[in-house]
Each structure stands twice: as structure tokens, then as C-alpha cells.
Protein backbone atom coordinates (compact mmCIF):
# COMPACT_ATOMS: atom_id res chain seq x y z
CA UNK A 1 54.04 68.03 -31.20
CA UNK A 2 55.57 67.25 -27.78
CA UNK A 3 51.90 65.61 -26.69
CA UNK A 4 52.30 63.39 -29.66
CA UNK A 5 56.09 61.74 -28.77
CA UNK A 6 55.33 61.81 -25.22
CA UNK A 7 52.14 59.39 -25.62
CA UNK A 8 54.10 57.21 -28.24
CA UNK A 9 55.78 57.09 -25.65
CA UNK A 10 53.29 55.52 -23.39
CA UNK A 11 53.82 52.09 -21.49
CA UNK A 12 50.26 50.56 -23.21
CA UNK A 13 52.32 52.00 -26.83
CA UNK A 14 53.59 48.99 -28.51
CA UNK A 15 58.00 49.76 -29.55
CA UNK A 16 56.95 47.76 -32.75
CA UNK A 17 55.39 48.34 -35.78
CA UNK A 18 53.90 50.90 -38.59
CA UNK A 19 53.74 54.80 -37.05
CA UNK A 20 49.74 54.18 -37.54
CA UNK A 21 49.58 50.39 -35.60
CA UNK A 22 51.23 51.69 -32.95
CA UNK A 23 48.96 54.99 -32.59
CA UNK A 24 46.26 52.60 -32.95
CA UNK A 25 46.59 50.47 -29.88
CA UNK A 26 47.62 53.53 -28.10
CA UNK A 27 44.29 54.92 -28.79
CA UNK A 28 42.71 51.46 -27.32
CA UNK A 29 43.99 52.83 -23.68
CA UNK A 30 44.47 48.62 -22.76
CA UNK A 31 45.34 48.89 -19.66
CA UNK A 32 41.91 50.99 -19.14
CA UNK A 33 39.53 49.51 -21.39
CA UNK A 34 40.67 46.04 -20.09
CA UNK A 35 39.95 47.62 -16.27
CA UNK A 36 36.64 48.84 -17.49
CA UNK A 37 35.99 44.75 -18.79
CA UNK A 38 37.32 43.41 -15.42
CA UNK A 39 34.61 45.62 -14.27
CA UNK A 40 31.83 44.24 -16.25
CA UNK A 41 33.14 40.63 -15.82
CA UNK A 42 33.27 40.88 -11.89
CA UNK A 43 29.61 41.97 -11.83
CA UNK A 44 28.66 39.10 -13.88
CA UNK A 45 30.24 36.65 -11.52
CA UNK A 46 28.18 38.50 -8.43
CA UNK A 47 25.40 36.68 -9.87
CA UNK A 48 23.95 34.32 -7.71
CA UNK A 49 22.77 31.94 -10.12
CA UNK A 50 23.95 30.22 -13.15
CA UNK A 51 26.68 31.98 -15.01
CA UNK A 52 25.73 31.94 -18.45
CA UNK A 53 29.13 32.10 -20.72
CA UNK A 54 28.28 33.45 -23.18
CA UNK A 55 27.20 36.48 -22.08
CA UNK A 56 30.50 36.60 -20.21
CA UNK A 57 31.66 37.08 -23.94
CA UNK A 58 28.69 39.19 -24.69
CA UNK A 59 29.47 41.84 -22.18
CA UNK A 60 33.14 41.71 -22.76
CA UNK A 61 32.57 42.62 -26.35
CA UNK A 62 30.04 45.10 -25.93
CA UNK A 63 32.84 47.34 -23.75
CA UNK A 64 35.68 46.68 -25.83
CA UNK A 65 34.11 48.07 -28.81
CA UNK A 66 32.03 50.78 -27.53
CA UNK A 67 33.89 52.12 -24.67
CA UNK A 68 37.30 50.80 -25.88
CA UNK A 69 37.18 50.96 -29.71
CA UNK A 70 34.14 54.20 -29.50
CA UNK A 71 34.60 56.36 -27.32
CA UNK A 72 37.87 56.72 -27.60
CA UNK A 73 37.36 57.22 -31.32
CA UNK A 74 34.92 60.10 -30.07
CA UNK A 75 37.46 61.79 -28.04
CA UNK A 76 39.95 62.21 -30.64
CA UNK A 77 37.44 63.61 -32.73
CA UNK A 78 35.79 65.83 -29.91
CA UNK A 79 38.16 66.77 -27.98
CA UNK A 80 38.32 70.91 -27.35
CA UNK A 81 41.57 71.21 -26.55
CA UNK A 82 44.78 69.18 -27.99
CA UNK A 83 43.85 65.70 -29.42
CA UNK A 84 44.68 63.18 -27.18
CA UNK A 85 46.73 61.26 -30.39
CA UNK A 86 47.19 64.04 -32.96
CA UNK A 87 45.95 63.73 -36.57
CA UNK A 88 47.48 60.59 -37.33
CA UNK A 89 43.53 59.35 -38.45
CA UNK A 90 41.30 61.52 -40.28
CA UNK A 91 37.80 62.39 -38.74
CA UNK A 92 36.68 60.20 -41.12
CA UNK A 93 38.82 56.90 -40.12
CA UNK A 94 37.66 57.75 -36.52
CA UNK A 95 33.63 58.28 -37.29
CA UNK A 96 34.33 55.06 -39.18
CA UNK A 97 35.77 53.35 -35.90
CA UNK A 98 33.07 55.09 -33.63
CA UNK A 99 30.26 53.92 -35.33
CA UNK A 100 31.54 50.34 -36.39
CA UNK A 101 32.39 49.88 -32.74
CA UNK A 102 28.65 50.99 -31.94
CA UNK A 103 26.84 49.08 -34.51
CA UNK A 104 28.56 45.92 -33.25
CA UNK A 105 28.04 46.88 -29.56
CA UNK A 106 24.61 47.77 -30.05
CA UNK A 107 23.75 44.80 -31.94
CA UNK A 108 24.84 42.39 -29.43
CA UNK A 109 23.62 44.42 -26.69
CA UNK A 110 20.06 44.32 -28.64
CA UNK A 111 19.80 40.69 -28.88
CA UNK A 112 20.20 40.17 -25.48
CA UNK A 113 17.66 42.43 -24.48
CA UNK A 114 15.33 41.07 -26.60
CA UNK A 115 15.63 37.87 -25.87
CA UNK A 116 16.46 37.72 -22.33
CA UNK A 117 17.18 40.88 -20.42
CA UNK A 118 15.70 43.91 -21.03
CA UNK A 119 16.62 45.38 -18.05
CA UNK A 120 20.02 46.32 -19.66
CA UNK A 121 18.15 48.96 -21.86
CA UNK A 122 18.39 51.33 -19.14
CA UNK A 123 22.44 50.92 -19.19
CA UNK A 124 22.61 50.48 -22.68
CA UNK A 125 21.26 53.60 -22.93
CA UNK A 126 23.51 55.89 -19.96
CA UNK A 127 26.49 54.52 -21.43
CA UNK A 128 25.34 55.63 -25.13
CA UNK A 129 25.10 59.16 -23.45
CA UNK A 130 27.67 58.82 -21.59
CA UNK A 131 30.47 58.00 -24.47
CA UNK A 132 28.80 61.00 -26.52
CA UNK A 133 28.52 63.61 -23.19
CA UNK A 134 31.74 63.40 -21.87
CA UNK A 135 33.89 62.66 -24.71
CA UNK A 136 32.49 65.52 -26.87
CA UNK A 137 32.13 67.52 -23.52
CA UNK A 138 28.28 68.83 -24.36
CA UNK A 139 27.14 71.81 -21.64
CA UNK A 140 30.55 72.97 -21.62
CA UNK A 141 31.97 69.58 -20.48
CA UNK A 142 29.68 69.37 -17.30
CA UNK A 143 29.98 65.63 -17.98
CA UNK A 144 33.69 65.55 -18.66
CA UNK A 145 35.17 65.12 -15.31
CA UNK A 146 36.51 62.68 -12.98
CA UNK A 147 33.26 61.84 -11.09
CA UNK A 148 31.15 61.11 -14.57
CA UNK A 149 33.97 59.03 -15.85
CA UNK A 150 34.03 56.42 -12.62
CA UNK A 151 30.43 56.68 -12.73
CA UNK A 152 30.18 54.91 -16.63
CA UNK A 153 33.69 53.29 -16.34
CA UNK A 154 33.58 51.52 -13.03
CA UNK A 155 30.05 51.70 -11.44
CA UNK A 156 27.73 51.11 -14.77
CA UNK A 157 29.94 48.27 -16.22
CA UNK A 158 29.59 45.95 -12.73
CA UNK A 159 26.12 46.75 -12.93
CA UNK A 160 25.36 45.98 -16.54
CA UNK A 161 27.74 42.45 -16.37
CA UNK A 162 25.62 41.67 -13.32
CA UNK A 163 21.92 42.19 -15.01
CA UNK A 164 23.77 40.73 -18.28
CA UNK A 165 23.15 37.63 -15.92
CA UNK A 166 20.23 37.85 -14.14
CA UNK A 167 18.49 40.43 -15.54
CA UNK A 168 17.59 42.30 -12.12
CA UNK A 169 19.08 44.66 -10.39
CA UNK A 170 19.99 44.58 -5.88
CA UNK A 171 21.28 47.24 -3.12
CA UNK A 172 23.97 45.21 -2.79
CA UNK A 173 25.65 45.10 -5.87
CA UNK A 174 24.81 49.26 -6.03
CA UNK A 175 26.75 49.22 -2.86
CA UNK A 176 29.41 47.06 -4.57
CA UNK A 177 29.17 49.08 -7.40
CA UNK A 178 31.35 52.23 -5.35
CA UNK A 179 34.08 49.67 -5.39
CA UNK A 180 35.12 50.49 -8.96
CA UNK A 181 34.03 54.05 -8.85
CA UNK A 182 36.77 54.24 -6.66
CA UNK A 183 39.32 52.56 -8.54
CA UNK A 184 38.29 54.60 -11.76
CA UNK A 185 38.06 57.80 -9.69
CA UNK A 186 41.86 57.24 -8.62
CA UNK A 187 42.98 55.93 -11.84
CA UNK A 188 41.98 59.19 -14.06
CA UNK A 189 42.81 61.12 -11.40
CA UNK A 190 46.30 60.34 -11.42
CA UNK A 191 46.14 59.73 -15.26
CA UNK A 192 45.15 63.33 -15.60
CA UNK A 193 47.99 64.58 -13.20
CA UNK A 194 50.36 62.15 -14.94
CA UNK A 195 49.76 63.41 -18.38
CA UNK A 196 50.75 67.16 -16.99
CA UNK A 197 54.06 65.86 -16.00
CA UNK A 198 54.64 63.46 -18.53
CA UNK A 199 55.01 67.10 -20.67
CA UNK A 200 56.26 69.45 -18.55
CA UNK A 201 58.29 67.19 -16.25
CA UNK A 202 59.06 63.87 -17.70
CA UNK A 203 61.49 62.66 -15.13
CA UNK A 204 59.12 63.54 -12.14
CA UNK A 205 56.11 61.14 -14.00
CA UNK A 206 57.87 58.15 -13.35
CA UNK A 207 56.19 57.26 -9.91
CA UNK A 208 52.97 58.37 -10.95
CA UNK A 209 53.07 55.99 -14.18
CA UNK A 210 53.87 53.27 -11.59
CA UNK A 211 50.90 54.05 -9.81
CA UNK A 212 48.82 53.72 -12.79
CA UNK A 213 50.44 50.25 -13.61
CA UNK A 214 49.66 48.65 -10.45
CA UNK A 215 45.95 50.09 -10.48
CA UNK A 216 45.35 48.67 -13.83
CA UNK A 217 47.17 45.47 -14.26
CA UNK A 218 46.60 44.41 -10.79
CA UNK A 219 42.85 45.14 -11.34
CA UNK A 220 42.89 43.27 -14.61
CA UNK A 221 45.07 39.94 -12.92
CA UNK A 222 42.57 39.95 -10.08
CA UNK A 223 39.88 39.48 -12.07
CA UNK A 224 41.57 36.44 -14.82
CA UNK A 225 42.66 35.03 -11.86
CA UNK A 226 38.57 34.67 -10.15
CA UNK A 227 38.29 34.12 -14.41
CA UNK A 228 39.59 30.87 -14.44
CA UNK A 229 38.89 29.99 -10.99
CA UNK A 230 35.02 30.13 -12.13
CA UNK A 231 35.25 28.43 -14.96
CA UNK A 232 37.13 25.38 -13.55
CA UNK A 233 34.72 25.78 -10.67
CA UNK A 234 36.74 26.31 -7.58
CA UNK A 235 35.27 27.97 -4.90
CA UNK A 236 36.64 28.33 -1.56
């Protein structure tokens, strides 16, 4: 029960509305999902050519539904220890969320893969693999660690954003993908420590919570500013 209470008190969980609504919003981990989406947007803007804005919208929807909804539903179903959000949602409800998110994400992705960007297919396969391998802790949790999290939530989204714009990949972009990897690695490492402190020594978790807030919000704010500048075609 302590875990449930501490999660309800997380800074990204709304303080208003019915309990199930608050749990649902909390389960989306919006600041961290926002980071993942931000990496995909930044990857799109690395394109040296024309920016296709419909593909920006597409990659946002893909990562919000597949990772924001489906991956977190899978995490709640597949956790081998304490479920992150308890039993407020039944396994059937979580399964519906998981499938719905994947149908939307892969429906959009397949459309672009078939008609515009076939190179996005390997990313789609890898992200789908990590969604289940990480959250269901396959092979005794081999993929359920900080490194694979940082790859699937950091590096791959940036590559996906670039590929959906260009249907190509370059060594430069591969090198740049190390930046979101490091940011995501730092975030998940802090998050795991924060979760333990939140449950055992709540008063000592505040400074770590602040660090997580700074990492997530600064990433999102930077991306939003970048997005606005590109939309207005402001260059330096």
C-alpha cells in the first residue's frame, strides 16, 4: 500500500479528479513519455532537407500511443515484483490499453513504411521487441535494465524521427543518438534511486525529485522551443 500512496503523491500525478483518472494519468508517466517524444521530434529536425510536418505529428502519435500508453500498460501487467500502480486497473483493462495503443501506433507506422519510409521498419520491429522484452522482463529480466531502457527510450526515438523524415541514416545521426541515450540513462538511474528513497525515506527524496523534474522539463521545453522556431522558420 505504501507504494500506491507514494505514487499518488508523485509530482506528475494530478491532484484533482476521480482516483482512477489520477492513476491513469500517472501511469502515462507524462514527463518521461514527453522526453521520449521530444527525442523523436529532435531527430526529425536533424533532417537536412524539407521537414514534413505530417510526419512530425505521426511520430508524436506513434510514441505517445505505443510507449506512453501500451508500454506502461505492459509494465503494469508484466512486473515481476510490485505492480507500479497496483490493481486499480484490471489485467483486462490494461490489455485493452496495450492493444489499442499498439493498433494506433503500428497502423500509423505501417502506412508510412509502405508509402514513404520503408527504412522505418527495423525501428518499428526493435521498439515492439523492447516493449515486450523490457516490460515483461523476458530472459530473467535481461533487457530490463538501464542500458536497454536508454536505447529504446532515448536513442531509437531520435533515429526514428530522423528516418521518418529522410528514409535514411548517417553516421552523424548515429553519433548524435548517444546524447538522448545518456540523458535517458541518467533519468532512469536517478528514477530507480528516487523510487526507493520515496518509499523508505520520503524526506530525502526531494532533491532527487527536483533533478528528475529538471531533466524532463528542460528536455521538453528545449524541444518545444525548437519546434516553434522551426515552425516559424527562424534560423540563426
